[in-house]
C-alpha atoms as a PDB file:
ATOM      1  CA  MET A   1     139.022  89.684  58.951  1.00  0.00           C
ATOM      2  CA  PHE A   2     141.637  91.896  60.578  1.00  0.00           C
ATOM      3  CA  LYS A   3     143.804  88.841  61.347  1.00  0.00           C
ATOM      4  CA  ALA A   4     143.646  87.753  57.703  1.00  0.00           C
ATOM      5  CA  PHE A   5     144.669  91.234  56.596  1.00  0.00           C
ATOM      6  CA  LEU A   6     147.624  91.233  58.998  1.00  0.00           C
ATOM      7  CA  ALA A   7     148.776  87.737  58.049  1.00  0.00           C
ATOM      8  CA  GLY A   8     148.521  88.400  54.306  1.00  0.00           C
ATOM      9  CA  GLY A   9     150.308  91.716  54.731  1.00  0.00           C
ATOM     10  CA  LEU A  10     153.057  90.115  56.792  1.00  0.00           C
ATOM     11  CA  ILE A  11     153.603  87.465  54.133  1.00  0.00           C
ATOM     12  CA  ALA A  12     153.766  90.195  51.490  1.00  0.00           C
ATOM     13  CA  VAL A  13     156.336  92.131  53.539  1.00  0.00           C
ATOM     14  CA  VAL A  14     158.457  89.003  54.071  1.00  0.00           C
ATOM     15  CA  GLY A  15     158.239  88.250  50.347  1.00  0.00           C
ATOM     16  CA  GLN A  16     159.341  91.795  49.512  1.00  0.00           C
ATOM     17  CA  VAL A  17     162.278  91.495  51.912  1.00  0.00           C
ATOM     18  CA  PHE A  18     163.358  88.250  50.244  1.00  0.00           C
ATOM     19  CA  ARG A  19     162.994  89.803  46.781  1.00  0.00           C
ATOM     20  CA  ASP A  20     165.044  92.853  47.743  1.00  0.00           C
ATOM     21  CA  MET A  21     167.638  90.678  49.466  1.00  0.00           C
ATOM     22  CA  TYR A  22     168.061  88.519  46.377  1.00  0.00           C
ATOM     23  CA  SER A  23     168.269  91.603  44.154  1.00  0.00           C
ATOM     24  CA  LEU A  24     170.845  93.428  46.263  1.00  0.00           C
ATOM     25  CA  TRP A  25     172.982  90.680  47.748  1.00  0.00           C
ATOM     26  CA  PHE A  26     173.081  88.313  44.791  1.00  0.00           C
ATOM     27  CA  HIS A  27     172.750  90.933  42.009  1.00  0.00           C
ATOM     28  CA  MET A  28     169.737  89.253  40.394  1.00  0.00           C
ATOM     29  CA  ASN A  29     167.395  90.999  38.022  1.00  0.00           C
ATOM     30  CA  GLU A  30     163.778  91.432  39.092  1.00  0.00           C
ATOM     31  CA  GLY A  31     162.464  88.305  37.378  1.00  0.00           C
ATOM     32  CA  GLU A  32     165.059  86.027  38.939  1.00  0.00           C
ATOM     33  CA  ALA A  33     164.569  87.592  42.362  1.00  0.00           C
ATOM     34  CA  VAL A  34     160.800  87.029  42.181  1.00  0.00           C
ATOM     35  CA  ARG A  35     161.290  83.372  41.218  1.00  0.00           C
ATOM     36  CA  TRP A  36     163.706  82.840  44.102  1.00  0.00           C
ATOM     37  CA  MET A  37     161.360  84.647  46.489  1.00  0.00           C
ATOM     38  CA  ASN A  38     158.450  82.386  45.459  1.00  0.00           C
ATOM     39  CA  GLY A  39     160.635  79.330  45.879  1.00  0.00           C
ATOM     40  CA  THR A  40     161.776  80.465  49.307  1.00  0.00           C
ATOM     41  CA  LEU A  41     158.204  81.033  50.469  1.00  0.00           C
ATOM     42  CA  MET A  42     157.203  77.608  49.153  1.00  0.00           C
ATOM     43  CA  VAL A  43     160.089  75.917  50.962  1.00  0.00           C
ATOM     44  CA  CYS A  44     159.162  77.752  54.167  1.00  0.00           C
ATOM     45  CA  ALA A  45     155.566  76.551  53.881  1.00  0.00           C
ATOM     46  CA  ALA A  46     156.712  72.992  53.169  1.00  0.00           C
ATOM     47  CA  ILE A  47     158.968  73.073  56.234  1.00  0.00           C
ATOM     48  CA  LEU A  48     156.239  74.529  58.470  1.00  0.00           C
ATOM     49  CA  THR A  49     153.646  71.934  57.391  1.00  0.00           C
ATOM     50  CA  PRO A  50     154.992  68.848  59.218  1.00  0.00           C
ATOM     51  CA  THR A  51     155.551  70.869  62.376  1.00  0.00           C
ATOM     52  CA  ARG A  52     151.809  71.741  62.343  1.00  0.00           C
ATOM     53  CA  PHE A  53     152.772  75.408  62.686  1.00  0.00           C
ATOM     54  CA  TYR A  54     151.318  76.248  59.263  1.00  0.00           C
ATOM     55  CA  ARG A  55     147.979  74.757  60.343  1.00  0.00           C
ATOM     56  CA  LYS A  56     147.998  76.878  63.505  1.00  0.00           C
ATOM     57  CA  LEU A  57     148.730  79.982  61.448  1.00  0.00           C
ATOM     58  CA  THR A  58     145.908  79.102  59.063  1.00  0.00           C
ATOM     59  CA  GLN A  59     143.472  78.605  61.931  1.00  0.00           C
ATOM     60  CA  PHE A  60     144.518  81.947  63.397  1.00  0.00           C
ATOM     61  CA  ALA A  61     144.621  84.002  60.219  1.00  0.00           C
ATOM     62  CA  GLY A  62     142.067  82.258  58.021  1.00  0.00           C
ATOM     63  CA  ALA A  63     142.143  83.428  54.418  1.00  0.00           C
ATOM     64  CA  GLY A  64     145.250  85.541  55.012  1.00  0.00           C
ATOM     65  CA  MET A  65     147.374  82.402  54.823  1.00  0.00           C
ATOM     66  CA  ILE A  66     145.956  81.329  51.481  1.00  0.00           C
ATOM     67  CA  VAL A  67     148.707  82.847  49.408  1.00  0.00           C
ATOM     68  CA  PRO A  68     148.788  80.775  46.186  1.00  0.00           C
ATOM     69  CA  MET A  69     152.383  79.583  46.277  1.00  0.00           C
ATOM     70  CA  MET A  70     152.468  78.887  49.990  1.00  0.00           C
ATOM     71  CA  SER A  71     149.138  77.090  50.061  1.00  0.00           C
ATOM     72  CA  LEU A  72     150.169  74.950  47.080  1.00  0.00           C
ATOM     73  CA  ALA A  73     153.345  73.891  48.901  1.00  0.00           C
ATOM     74  CA  ASN A  74     151.290  73.229  52.025  1.00  0.00           C
ATOM     75  CA  VAL A  75     148.822  71.040  50.108  1.00  0.00           C
ATOM     76  CA  TRP A  76     151.600  69.033  48.460  1.00  0.00           C
ATOM     77  CA  SER A  77     153.593  68.462  51.630  1.00  0.00           C
ATOM     78  CA  ALA A  78     150.508  67.683  53.756  1.00  0.00           C
ATOM     79  CA  THR A  79     149.340  65.162  51.165  1.00  0.00           C
ATOM     80  CA  ALA A  80     152.785  63.601  51.029  1.00  0.00           C
ATOM     81  CA  LEU A  81     152.809  63.251  54.813  1.00  0.00           C
ATOM     82  CA  GLU A  82     149.329  61.716  54.831  1.00  0.00           C
ATOM     83  CA  HIS A  83     150.086  59.098  52.215  1.00  0.00           C
ATOM     84  CA  ARG A  84     153.791  58.475  52.769  1.00  0.00           C
ATOM     85  CA  ASN A  85     153.296  54.697  53.064  1.00  0.00           C
ATOM     86  CA  GLU A  86     151.072  54.393  50.005  1.00  0.00           C
ATOM     87  CA  GLY A  87     153.158  56.370  47.543  1.00  0.00           C
ATOM     88  CA  ALA A  88     153.315  60.089  48.079  1.00  0.00           C
ATOM     89  CA  ALA A  89     153.880  61.168  44.480  1.00  0.00           C
ATOM     90  CA  GLU A  90     150.525  59.960  43.169  1.00  0.00           C
ATOM     91  CA  HIS A  91     148.594  61.629  45.953  1.00  0.00           C
ATOM     92  CA  MET A  92     150.561  64.877  45.747  1.00  0.00           C
ATOM     93  CA  LEU A  93     149.730  65.221  42.066  1.00  0.00           C
ATOM     94  CA  SER A  94     146.109  64.175  42.486  1.00  0.00           C
ATOM     95  CA  VAL A  95     145.461  66.966  44.992  1.00  0.00           C
ATOM     96  CA  GLY A  96     147.772  69.580  43.493  1.00  0.00           C
ATOM     97  CA  GLY A  97     146.835  68.718  39.916  1.00  0.00           C
ATOM     98  CA  SER A  98     143.459  70.413  40.146  1.00  0.00           C
ATOM     99  CA  ILE A  99     145.150  73.567  41.425  1.00  0.00           C
ATOM    100  CA  ILE A 100     147.656  73.528  38.571  1.00  0.00           C
ATOM    101  CA  VAL A 101     144.942  72.992  35.949  1.00  0.00           C
ATOM    102  CA  THR A 102     142.896  75.851  37.398  1.00  0.00           C
ATOM    103  CA  LEU A 103     145.914  78.176  37.335  1.00  0.00           C
ATOM    104  CA  VAL A 104     146.798  77.245  33.751  1.00  0.00           C
ATOM    105  CA  VAL A 105     143.235  77.770  32.507  1.00  0.00           C
ATOM    106  CA  ALA A 106     142.927  81.085  34.378  1.00  0.00           C
ATOM    107  CA  SER A 107     146.259  82.248  32.925  1.00  0.00           C
ATOM    108  CA  TYR A 108     145.129  81.318  29.420  1.00  0.00           C
ATOM    109  CA  VAL A 109     141.818  83.160  29.798  1.00  0.00           C
ATOM    110  CA  ALA A 110     143.592  86.212  31.244  1.00  0.00           C
ATOM    111  CA  ALA A 111     146.071  86.186  28.337  1.00  0.00           C
ATOM    112  CA  LEU A 112     143.195  86.267  25.865  1.00  0.00           C
ATOM    113  CA  PHE A 113     141.884  89.531  27.295  1.00  0.00           C
ATOM    114  CA  LEU A 114     145.173  91.323  27.992  1.00  0.00           C
END
């Protein structure tokens, strides 16, 4: 549990550094900086997936590595690597589609009550 806390906290700190960097260096407003930070974390997870480093981090940290954006990028890139000869796009959307539907439904339900 302590490893998950440390890994999740480290990802949050890295995300905050990226957000602040985008805000200060590139003079972005907060919304743009958050979008670029999420994109950067997703690209990092997609790059770490084929090197098997993301899997090692997940085995070490457990639930601390299940940050929504990073795990979504990991699922898509791992599925694409698994099925690269059969057509990666169909398999990426079949696995990631359930995640997207869940997020959309949860956002809709949350919007009803807020």
